[in-house]
Amino acid sequence: MTSDTATRRKRLLYQAQHRGFKEADLIIGNFAADELGAMSEADLDEFEALLAFNDHDLYRWILGEGEPPEGVAGPVFQRLRKFDVSKFTAPRD
C-alpha cells in the first residue's frame, strides 16, 4: 500500500465517522473501520463518492427507505446496506 493510499484511507475513515448525526456515524463509520483496509482503489472511489451525498439521504438509502439515484448502488453500497452494526453497539438492558 502506498503512502497516498494509506492517507486516503485515514481521511475516508475520519469522514465516515463524523457524518453529522450519531446513527450515521455508527453505521457508516463502523463500516469504514471494518472494511476500508480491504478495499481496492475502485472500492475507495465508490465509497468516497457515497460520502459526498447528504448525510440524511445516504442514511435513508442504507436503511432501504427510498432508492438512491441511478449509479449509486454499486458493490460497496450493497455491502454497506448489509453491514451488521450490532457488533459495535452495546446491548440494551
PDB file of N, CA and C in Angstrom:
ATOM      1  N   MET A   1       0.853  -1.170   0.000  1.00  0.00           N
ATOM      2  CA  MET A   1       0.000   0.000   0.000  1.00  0.00           C
ATOM      3  C   MET A   1       0.894   1.228   0.000  1.00  0.00           C
ATOM      4  N   THR A   2       0.584   2.166  -0.875  1.00  0.00           N
ATOM      5  CA  THR A   2       1.369   3.388  -0.942  1.00  0.00           C
ATOM      6  C   THR A   2       0.977   4.328   0.179  1.00  0.00           C
ATOM      7  N   SER A   3       1.843   5.274   0.418  1.00  0.00           N
ATOM      8  CA  SER A   3       1.574   6.284   1.443  1.00  0.00           C
ATOM      9  C   SER A   3       0.312   7.076   1.105  1.00  0.00           C
ATOM     10  N   ASP A   4       0.128   7.354  -0.197  1.00  0.00           N
ATOM     11  CA  ASP A   4      -1.065   8.098  -0.624  1.00  0.00           C
ATOM     12  C   ASP A   4      -2.340   7.316  -0.331  1.00  0.00           C
ATOM     13  N   THR A   5      -2.313   6.009  -0.561  1.00  0.00           N
ATOM     14  CA  THR A   5      -3.484   5.181  -0.294  1.00  0.00           C
ATOM     15  C   THR A   5      -3.759   5.110   1.202  1.00  0.00           C
ATOM     16  N   ALA A   6      -2.727   4.997   2.003  1.00  0.00           N
ATOM     17  CA  ALA A   6      -2.899   4.963   3.463  1.00  0.00           C
ATOM     18  C   ALA A   6      -3.492   6.271   3.959  1.00  0.00           C
ATOM     19  N   THR A   7      -3.006   7.371   3.439  1.00  0.00           N
ATOM     20  CA  THR A   7      -3.541   8.684   3.814  1.00  0.00           C
ATOM     21  C   THR A   7      -4.993   8.818   3.380  1.00  0.00           C
ATOM     22  N   ARG A   8      -5.296   8.340   2.191  1.00  0.00           N
ATOM     23  CA  ARG A   8      -6.675   8.382   1.690  1.00  0.00           C
ATOM     24  C   ARG A   8      -7.598   7.572   2.590  1.00  0.00           C
ATOM     25  N   ARG A   9      -7.173   6.377   2.985  1.00  0.00           N
ATOM     26  CA  ARG A   9      -7.998   5.537   3.868  1.00  0.00           C
ATOM     27  C   ARG A   9      -8.249   6.244   5.203  1.00  0.00           C
ATOM     28  N   LYS A  10      -7.233   6.880   5.755  1.00  0.00           N
ATOM     29  CA  LYS A  10      -7.393   7.604   7.026  1.00  0.00           C
ATOM     30  C   LYS A  10      -8.376   8.756   6.874  1.00  0.00           C
ATOM     31  N   ARG A  11      -8.276   9.479   5.767  1.00  0.00           N
ATOM     32  CA  ARG A  11      -9.191  10.603   5.521  1.00  0.00           C
ATOM     33  C   ARG A  11     -10.625  10.100   5.377  1.00  0.00           C
ATOM     34  N   LEU A  12     -10.808   9.025   4.618  1.00  0.00           N
ATOM     35  CA  LEU A  12     -12.147   8.467   4.437  1.00  0.00           C
ATOM     36  C   LEU A  12     -12.714   7.938   5.747  1.00  0.00           C
ATOM     37  N   LEU A  13     -11.880   7.330   6.566  1.00  0.00           N
ATOM     38  CA  LEU A  13     -12.332   6.846   7.864  1.00  0.00           C
ATOM     39  C   LEU A  13     -12.821   8.010   8.721  1.00  0.00           C
ATOM     40  N   TYR A  14     -12.060   9.082   8.748  1.00  0.00           N
ATOM     41  CA  TYR A  14     -12.469  10.253   9.524  1.00  0.00           C
ATOM     42  C   TYR A  14     -13.801  10.799   9.009  1.00  0.00           C
ATOM     43  N   GLN A  15     -13.916  10.944   7.694  1.00  0.00           N
ATOM     44  CA  GLN A  15     -15.161  11.467   7.115  1.00  0.00           C
ATOM     45  C   GLN A  15     -16.344  10.555   7.415  1.00  0.00           C
ATOM     46  N   ALA A  16     -16.116   9.262   7.404  1.00  0.00           N
ATOM     47  CA  ALA A  16     -17.193   8.300   7.658  1.00  0.00           C
ATOM     48  C   ALA A  16     -17.631   8.316   9.119  1.00  0.00           C
ATOM     49  N   GLN A  17     -16.710   8.594  10.018  1.00  0.00           N
ATOM     50  CA  GLN A  17     -17.022   8.572  11.448  1.00  0.00           C
ATOM     51  C   GLN A  17     -17.571   9.899  11.962  1.00  0.00           C
ATOM     52  N   HIS A  18     -17.550  10.918  11.134  1.00  0.00           N
ATOM     53  CA  HIS A  18     -18.020  12.247  11.544  1.00  0.00           C
ATOM     54  C   HIS A  18     -19.024  12.771  10.520  1.00  0.00           C
ATOM     55  N   ARG A  19     -20.152  12.088  10.422  1.00  0.00           N
ATOM     56  CA  ARG A  19     -21.151  12.404   9.413  1.00  0.00           C
ATOM     57  C   ARG A  19     -22.089  13.539   9.810  1.00  0.00           C
ATOM     58  N   GLY A  20     -22.280  13.763  11.082  1.00  0.00           N
ATOM     59  CA  GLY A  20     -23.174  14.848  11.460  1.00  0.00           C
ATOM     60  C   GLY A  20     -24.294  14.412  12.372  1.00  0.00           C
ATOM     61  N   PHE A  21     -24.594  13.129  12.414  1.00  0.00           N
ATOM     62  CA  PHE A  21     -25.540  12.641  13.415  1.00  0.00           C
ATOM     63  C   PHE A  21     -25.170  11.208  13.792  1.00  0.00           C
ATOM     64  N   LYS A  22     -25.444  10.879  15.025  1.00  0.00           N
ATOM     65  CA  LYS A  22     -24.933   9.663  15.668  1.00  0.00           C
ATOM     66  C   LYS A  22     -25.239   8.384  14.898  1.00  0.00           C
ATOM     67  N   GLU A  23     -26.452   8.220  14.413  1.00  0.00           N
ATOM     68  CA  GLU A  23     -26.839   6.996  13.742  1.00  0.00           C
ATOM     69  C   GLU A  23     -26.002   6.760  12.490  1.00  0.00           C
ATOM     70  N   ALA A  24     -25.787   7.812  11.718  1.00  0.00           N
ATOM     71  CA  ALA A  24     -24.956   7.686  10.513  1.00  0.00           C
ATOM     72  C   ALA A  24     -23.509   7.420  10.889  1.00  0.00           C
ATOM     73  N   ASP A  25     -23.029   8.089  11.939  1.00  0.00           N
ATOM     74  CA  ASP A  25     -21.664   7.845  12.411  1.00  0.00           C
ATOM     75  C   ASP A  25     -21.469   6.375  12.755  1.00  0.00           C
ATOM     76  N   LEU A  26     -22.440   5.791  13.435  1.00  0.00           N
ATOM     77  CA  LEU A  26     -22.335   4.391  13.849  1.00  0.00           C
ATOM     78  C   LEU A  26     -22.296   3.439  12.659  1.00  0.00           C
ATOM     79  N   ILE A  27     -23.219   3.605  11.747  1.00  0.00           N
ATOM     80  CA  ILE A  27     -23.283   2.677  10.617  1.00  0.00           C
ATOM     81  C   ILE A  27     -22.138   2.912   9.642  1.00  0.00           C
ATOM     82  N   ILE A  28     -22.022   4.115   9.141  1.00  0.00           N
ATOM     83  CA  ILE A  28     -21.038   4.401   8.103  1.00  0.00           C
ATOM     84  C   ILE A  28     -19.617   4.357   8.674  1.00  0.00           C
ATOM     85  N   GLY A  29     -19.442   4.914   9.866  1.00  0.00           N
ATOM     86  CA  GLY A  29     -18.125   4.926  10.484  1.00  0.00           C
ATOM     87  C   GLY A  29     -17.617   3.541  10.832  1.00  0.00           C
ATOM     88  N   ASN A  30     -18.473   2.711  11.394  1.00  0.00           N
ATOM     89  CA  ASN A  30     -18.055   1.348  11.744  1.00  0.00           C
ATOM     90  C   ASN A  30     -17.850   0.491  10.496  1.00  0.00           C
ATOM     91  N   PHE A  31     -18.655   0.713   9.481  1.00  0.00           N
ATOM     92  CA  PHE A  31     -18.431   0.026   8.210  1.00  0.00           C
ATOM     93  C   PHE A  31     -17.049   0.375   7.676  1.00  0.00           C
ATOM     94  N   ALA A  32     -16.725   1.654   7.683  1.00  0.00           N
ATOM     95  CA  ALA A  32     -15.418   2.094   7.185  1.00  0.00           C
ATOM     96  C   ALA A  32     -14.289   1.488   8.008  1.00  0.00           C
ATOM     97  N   ALA A  33     -14.418   1.499   9.316  1.00  0.00           N
ATOM     98  CA  ALA A  33     -13.380   0.937  10.181  1.00  0.00           C
ATOM     99  C   ALA A  33     -13.167  -0.539   9.891  1.00  0.00           C
ATOM    100  N   ASP A  34     -14.239  -1.236   9.582  1.00  0.00           N
ATOM    101  CA  ASP A  34     -14.191  -2.671   9.341  1.00  0.00           C
ATOM    102  C   ASP A  34     -13.732  -3.024   7.920  1.00  0.00           C
ATOM    103  N   GLU A  35     -14.043  -2.192   6.938  1.00  0.00           N
ATOM    104  CA  GLU A  35     -13.888  -2.561   5.531  1.00  0.00           C
ATOM    105  C   GLU A  35     -12.800  -1.811   4.757  1.00  0.00           C
ATOM    106  N   LEU A  36     -12.443  -0.606   5.168  1.00  0.00           N
ATOM    107  CA  LEU A  36     -11.532   0.206   4.356  1.00  0.00           C
ATOM    108  C   LEU A  36     -10.206  -0.482   4.052  1.00  0.00           C
ATOM    109  N   GLY A  37      -9.664  -1.199   5.001  1.00  0.00           N
ATOM    110  CA  GLY A  37      -8.369  -1.840   4.810  1.00  0.00           C
ATOM    111  C   GLY A  37      -8.333  -2.826   3.665  1.00  0.00           C
ATOM    112  N   ALA A  38      -9.460  -3.415   3.331  1.00  0.00           N
ATOM    113  CA  ALA A  38      -9.528  -4.417   2.271  1.00  0.00           C
ATOM    114  C   ALA A  38     -10.046  -3.855   0.951  1.00  0.00           C
ATOM    115  N   MET A  39     -10.396  -2.581   0.913  1.00  0.00           N
ATOM    116  CA  MET A  39     -10.973  -2.004  -0.303  1.00  0.00           C
ATOM    117  C   MET A  39      -9.910  -1.745  -1.364  1.00  0.00           C
ATOM    118  N   SER A  40     -10.293  -2.048  -2.602  1.00  0.00           N
ATOM    119  CA  SER A  40      -9.454  -1.735  -3.760  1.00  0.00           C
ATOM    120  C   SER A  40      -9.567  -0.240  -4.053  1.00  0.00           C
ATOM    121  N   GLU A  41      -8.761   0.229  -4.982  1.00  0.00           N
ATOM    122  CA  GLU A  41      -8.849   1.646  -5.380  1.00  0.00           C
ATOM    123  C   GLU A  41     -10.246   1.958  -5.931  1.00  0.00           C
ATOM    124  N   ALA A  42     -10.811   1.039  -6.700  1.00  0.00           N
ATOM    125  CA  ALA A  42     -12.167   1.249  -7.245  1.00  0.00           C
ATOM    126  C   ALA A  42     -13.193   1.322  -6.118  1.00  0.00           C
ATOM    127  N   ASP A  43     -13.043   0.456  -5.112  1.00  0.00           N
ATOM    128  CA  ASP A  43     -13.937   0.496  -3.957  1.00  0.00           C
ATOM    129  C   ASP A  43     -13.795   1.818  -3.210  1.00  0.00           C
ATOM    130  N   LEU A  44     -12.560   2.267  -3.044  1.00  0.00           N
ATOM    131  CA  LEU A  44     -12.327   3.552  -2.366  1.00  0.00           C
ATOM    132  C   LEU A  44     -12.976   4.693  -3.140  1.00  0.00           C
ATOM    133  N   ASP A  45     -12.896   4.639  -4.464  1.00  0.00           N
ATOM    134  CA  ASP A  45     -13.551   5.660  -5.296  1.00  0.00           C
ATOM    135  C   ASP A  45     -15.058   5.669  -5.052  1.00  0.00           C
ATOM    136  N   GLU A  46     -15.655   4.467  -5.029  1.00  0.00           N
ATOM    137  CA  GLU A  46     -17.102   4.378  -4.812  1.00  0.00           C
ATOM    138  C   GLU A  46     -17.471   4.875  -3.411  1.00  0.00           C
ATOM    139  N   PHE A  47     -16.704   4.462  -2.413  1.00  0.00           N
ATOM    140  CA  PHE A  47     -17.002   4.882  -1.043  1.00  0.00           C
ATOM    141  C   PHE A  47     -16.869   6.393  -0.898  1.00  0.00           C
ATOM    142  N   GLU A  48     -15.844   6.950  -1.501  1.00  0.00           N
ATOM    143  CA  GLU A  48     -15.648   8.398  -1.458  1.00  0.00           C
ATOM    144  C   GLU A  48     -16.823   9.131  -2.107  1.00  0.00           C
ATOM    145  N   ALA A  49     -17.304   8.603  -3.221  1.00  0.00           N
ATOM    146  CA  ALA A  49     -18.465   9.199  -3.889  1.00  0.00           C
ATOM    147  C   ALA A  49     -19.708   9.103  -3.006  1.00  0.00           C
ATOM    148  N   LEU A  50     -19.879   7.998  -2.292  1.00  0.00           N
ATOM    149  CA  LEU A  50     -21.020   7.869  -1.377  1.00  0.00           C
ATOM    150  C   LEU A  50     -20.969   8.912  -0.273  1.00  0.00           C
ATOM    151  N   LEU A  51     -19.774   9.159   0.252  1.00  0.00           N
ATOM    152  CA  LEU A  51     -19.630  10.123   1.343  1.00  0.00           C
ATOM    153  C   LEU A  51     -19.926  11.554   0.908  1.00  0.00           C
ATOM    154  N   ALA A  52     -19.939  11.805  -0.383  1.00  0.00           N
ATOM    155  CA  ALA A  52     -20.238  13.146  -0.888  1.00  0.00           C
ATOM    156  C   ALA A  52     -21.733  13.461  -0.831  1.00  0.00           C
ATOM    157  N   PHE A  53     -22.569  12.439  -0.660  1.00  0.00           N
ATOM    158  CA  PHE A  53     -24.015  12.675  -0.586  1.00  0.00           C
ATOM    159  C   PHE A  53     -24.416  13.231   0.770  1.00  0.00           C
ATOM    160  N   ASN A  54     -25.562  13.841   0.798  1.00  0.00           N
ATOM    161  CA  ASN A  54     -26.146  14.357   2.030  1.00  0.00           C
ATOM    162  C   ASN A  54     -26.275  13.229   3.049  1.00  0.00           C
ATOM    163  N   ASP A  55     -25.900  13.521   4.293  1.00  0.00           N
ATOM    164  CA  ASP A  55     -25.913  12.516   5.364  1.00  0.00           C
ATOM    165  C   ASP A  55     -27.263  11.824   5.508  1.00  0.00           C
ATOM    166  N   HIS A  56     -28.308  12.612   5.563  1.00  0.00           N
ATOM    167  CA  HIS A  56     -29.641  12.054   5.803  1.00  0.00           C
ATOM    168  C   HIS A  56     -30.117  11.211   4.623  1.00  0.00           C
ATOM    169  N   ASP A  57     -29.820  11.655   3.408  1.00  0.00           N
ATOM    170  CA  ASP A  57     -30.191  10.862   2.233  1.00  0.00           C
ATOM    171  C   ASP A  57     -29.456   9.542   2.233  1.00  0.00           C
ATOM    172  N   LEU A  58     -28.142   9.572   2.439  1.00  0.00           N
ATOM    173  CA  LEU A  58     -27.336   8.354   2.449  1.00  0.00           C
ATOM    174  C   LEU A  58     -27.817   7.392   3.529  1.00  0.00           C
ATOM    175  N   TYR A  59     -28.103   7.906   4.706  1.00  0.00           N
ATOM    176  CA  TYR A  59     -28.594   7.079   5.813  1.00  0.00           C
ATOM    177  C   TYR A  59     -29.914   6.394   5.445  1.00  0.00           C
ATOM    178  N   ARG A  60     -30.843   7.152   4.852  1.00  0.00           N
ATOM    179  CA  ARG A  60     -32.132   6.581   4.441  1.00  0.00           C
ATOM    180  C   ARG A  60     -31.941   5.481   3.403  1.00  0.00           C
ATOM    181  N   TRP A  61     -31.055   5.704   2.437  1.00  0.00           N
ATOM    182  CA  TRP A  61     -30.821   4.698   1.395  1.00  0.00           C
ATOM    183  C   TRP A  61     -30.237   3.431   2.001  1.00  0.00           C
ATOM    184  N   ILE A  62     -29.325   3.592   2.958  1.00  0.00           N
ATOM    185  CA  ILE A  62     -28.725   2.429   3.615  1.00  0.00           C
ATOM    186  C   ILE A  62     -29.798   1.604   4.316  1.00  0.00           C
ATOM    187  N   LEU A  63     -30.744   2.293   4.951  1.00  0.00           N
ATOM    188  CA  LEU A  63     -31.818   1.599   5.662  1.00  0.00           C
ATOM    189  C   LEU A  63     -32.887   1.052   4.725  1.00  0.00           C
ATOM    190  N   GLY A  64     -32.797   1.378   3.442  1.00  0.00           N
ATOM    191  CA  GLY A  64     -33.782   0.901   2.474  1.00  0.00           C
ATOM    192  C   GLY A  64     -35.016   1.768   2.404  1.00  0.00           C
ATOM    193  N   GLU A  65     -34.929   2.966   2.951  1.00  0.00           N
ATOM    194  CA  GLU A  65     -36.049   3.917   2.919  1.00  0.00           C
ATOM    195  C   GLU A  65     -35.877   4.815   1.698  1.00  0.00           C
ATOM    196  N   GLY A  66     -36.254   4.296   0.574  1.00  0.00           N
ATOM    197  CA  GLY A  66     -36.071   5.020  -0.673  1.00  0.00           C
ATOM    198  C   GLY A  66     -34.867   4.463  -1.414  1.00  0.00           C
ATOM    199  N   GLU A  67     -34.866   4.685  -2.687  1.00  0.00           N
ATOM    200  CA  GLU A  67     -33.783   4.180  -3.527  1.00  0.00           C
ATOM    201  C   GLU A  67     -32.821   5.309  -3.864  1.00  0.00           C
ATOM    202  N   PRO A  68     -31.542   4.997  -3.860  1.00  0.00           N
ATOM    203  CA  PRO A  68     -30.561   6.004  -4.232  1.00  0.00           C
ATOM    204  C   PRO A  68     -30.646   6.318  -5.720  1.00  0.00           C
ATOM    205  N   PRO A  69     -30.062   7.424  -6.142  1.00  0.00           N
ATOM    206  CA  PRO A  69     -30.055   7.747  -7.573  1.00  0.00           C
ATOM    207  C   PRO A  69     -29.368   6.651  -8.381  1.00  0.00           C
ATOM    208  N   GLU A  70     -29.705   6.588  -9.649  1.00  0.00           N
ATOM    209  CA  GLU A  70     -29.116   5.586 -10.528  1.00  0.00           C
ATOM    210  C   GLU A  70     -27.590   5.714 -10.510  1.00  0.00           C
ATOM    211  N   GLY A  71     -26.924   4.581 -10.472  1.00  0.00           N
ATOM    212  CA  GLY A  71     -25.476   4.564 -10.475  1.00  0.00           C
ATOM    213  C   GLY A  71     -24.841   4.595  -9.098  1.00  0.00           C
ATOM    214  N   VAL A  72     -25.644   4.779  -8.047  1.00  0.00           N
ATOM    215  CA  VAL A  72     -25.111   4.862  -6.689  1.00  0.00           C
ATOM    216  C   VAL A  72     -24.987   3.482  -6.050  1.00  0.00           C
ATOM    217  N   ALA A  73     -25.850   2.582  -6.392  1.00  0.00           N
ATOM    218  CA  ALA A  73     -25.939   1.295  -5.693  1.00  0.00           C
ATOM    219  C   ALA A  73     -24.926   0.277  -6.217  1.00  0.00           C
ATOM    220  N   GLY A  74     -23.640   0.605  -6.130  1.00  0.00           N
ATOM    221  CA  GLY A  74     -22.585  -0.299  -6.551  1.00  0.00           C
ATOM    222  C   GLY A  74     -22.266  -1.326  -5.473  1.00  0.00           C
ATOM    223  N   PRO A  75     -21.205  -2.087  -5.662  1.00  0.00           N
ATOM    224  CA  PRO A  75     -20.857  -3.156  -4.722  1.00  0.00           C
ATOM    225  C   PRO A  75     -20.569  -2.663  -3.297  1.00  0.00           C
ATOM    226  N   VAL A  76     -19.912  -1.536  -3.160  1.00  0.00           N
ATOM    227  CA  VAL A  76     -19.613  -1.021  -1.811  1.00  0.00           C
ATOM    228  C   VAL A  76     -20.909  -0.610  -1.124  1.00  0.00           C
ATOM    229  N   PHE A  77     -21.792   0.045  -1.852  1.00  0.00           N
ATOM    230  CA  PHE A  77     -23.085   0.439  -1.277  1.00  0.00           C
ATOM    231  C   PHE A  77     -23.864  -0.798  -0.847  1.00  0.00           C
ATOM    232  N   GLN A  78     -23.844  -1.840  -1.651  1.00  0.00           N
ATOM    233  CA  GLN A  78     -24.567  -3.070  -1.298  1.00  0.00           C
ATOM    234  C   GLN A  78     -23.995  -3.690  -0.026  1.00  0.00           C
ATOM    235  N   ARG A  79     -22.666  -3.679   0.117  1.00  0.00           N
ATOM    236  CA  ARG A  79     -22.056  -4.195   1.350  1.00  0.00           C
ATOM    237  C   ARG A  79     -22.409  -3.312   2.540  1.00  0.00           C
ATOM    238  N   LEU A  80     -22.441  -2.020   2.327  1.00  0.00           N
ATOM    239  CA  LEU A  80     -22.809  -1.088   3.396  1.00  0.00           C
ATOM    240  C   LEU A  80     -24.247  -1.318   3.832  1.00  0.00           C
ATOM    241  N   ARG A  81     -25.111  -1.559   2.892  1.00  0.00           N
ATOM    242  CA  ARG A  81     -26.525  -1.798   3.192  1.00  0.00           C
ATOM    243  C   ARG A  81     -26.716  -3.075   4.008  1.00  0.00           C
ATOM    244  N   LYS A  82     -25.848  -4.054   3.810  1.00  0.00           N
ATOM    245  CA  LYS A  82     -25.957  -5.335   4.515  1.00  0.00           C
ATOM    246  C   LYS A  82     -25.112  -5.378   5.789  1.00  0.00           C
ATOM    247  N   PHE A  83     -24.366  -4.317   6.056  1.00  0.00           N
ATOM    248  CA  PHE A  83     -23.435  -4.305   7.181  1.00  0.00           C
ATOM    249  C   PHE A  83     -24.172  -4.443   8.512  1.00  0.00           C
ATOM    250  N   ASP A  84     -23.677  -5.307   9.363  1.00  0.00           N
ATOM    251  CA  ASP A  84     -24.279  -5.565  10.676  1.00  0.00           C
ATOM    252  C   ASP A  84     -23.587  -4.699  11.728  1.00  0.00           C
ATOM    253  N   VAL A  85     -24.227  -3.596  12.075  1.00  0.00           N
ATOM    254  CA  VAL A  85     -23.644  -2.675  13.040  1.00  0.00           C
ATOM    255  C   VAL A  85     -23.820  -3.162  14.476  1.00  0.00           C
ATOM    256  N   SER A  86     -24.613  -4.197  14.687  1.00  0.00           N
ATOM    257  CA  SER A  86     -24.899  -4.654  16.049  1.00  0.00           C
ATOM    258  C   SER A  86     -23.642  -5.100  16.792  1.00  0.00           C
ATOM    259  N   LYS A  87     -22.635  -5.556  16.069  1.00  0.00           N
ATOM    260  CA  LYS A  87     -21.410  -5.981  16.745  1.00  0.00           C
ATOM    261  C   LYS A  87     -20.629  -4.811  17.329  1.00  0.00           C
ATOM    262  N   PHE A  88     -21.017  -3.583  16.987  1.00  0.00           N
ATOM    263  CA  PHE A  88     -20.339  -2.400  17.512  1.00  0.00           C
ATOM    264  C   PHE A  88     -21.140  -1.655  18.563  1.00  0.00           C
ATOM    265  N   THR A  89     -22.342  -2.100  18.825  1.00  0.00           N
ATOM    266  CA  THR A  89     -23.198  -1.405  19.790  1.00  0.00           C
ATOM    267  C   THR A  89     -23.384  -2.248  21.022  1.00  0.00           C
ATOM    268  N   ALA A  90     -23.499  -1.579  22.138  1.00  0.00           N
ATOM    269  CA  ALA A  90     -23.701  -2.274  23.405  1.00  0.00           C
ATOM    270  C   ALA A  90     -25.135  -2.758  23.514  1.00  0.00           C
ATOM    271  N   PRO A  91     -25.353  -3.941  24.058  1.00  0.00           N
ATOM    272  CA  PRO A  91     -26.730  -4.428  24.235  1.00  0.00           C
ATOM    273  C   PRO A  91     -27.482  -3.543  25.233  1.00  0.00           C
ATOM    274  N   ARG A  92     -28.755  -3.395  24.986  1.00  0.00           N
ATOM    275  CA  ARG A  92     -29.594  -2.596  25.897  1.00  0.00           C
ATOM    276  C   ARG A  92     -30.133  -3.478  26.993  1.00  0.00           C
ATOM    277  N   ASP A  93     -30.303  -2.885  28.181  1.00  0.00           N
ATOM    278  CA  ASP A  93     -30.862  -3.626  29.320  1.00  0.00           C
ATOM    279  C   ASP A  93     -32.355  -3.806  29.183  1.00  0.00           C
TER     280      ASP A  93
END
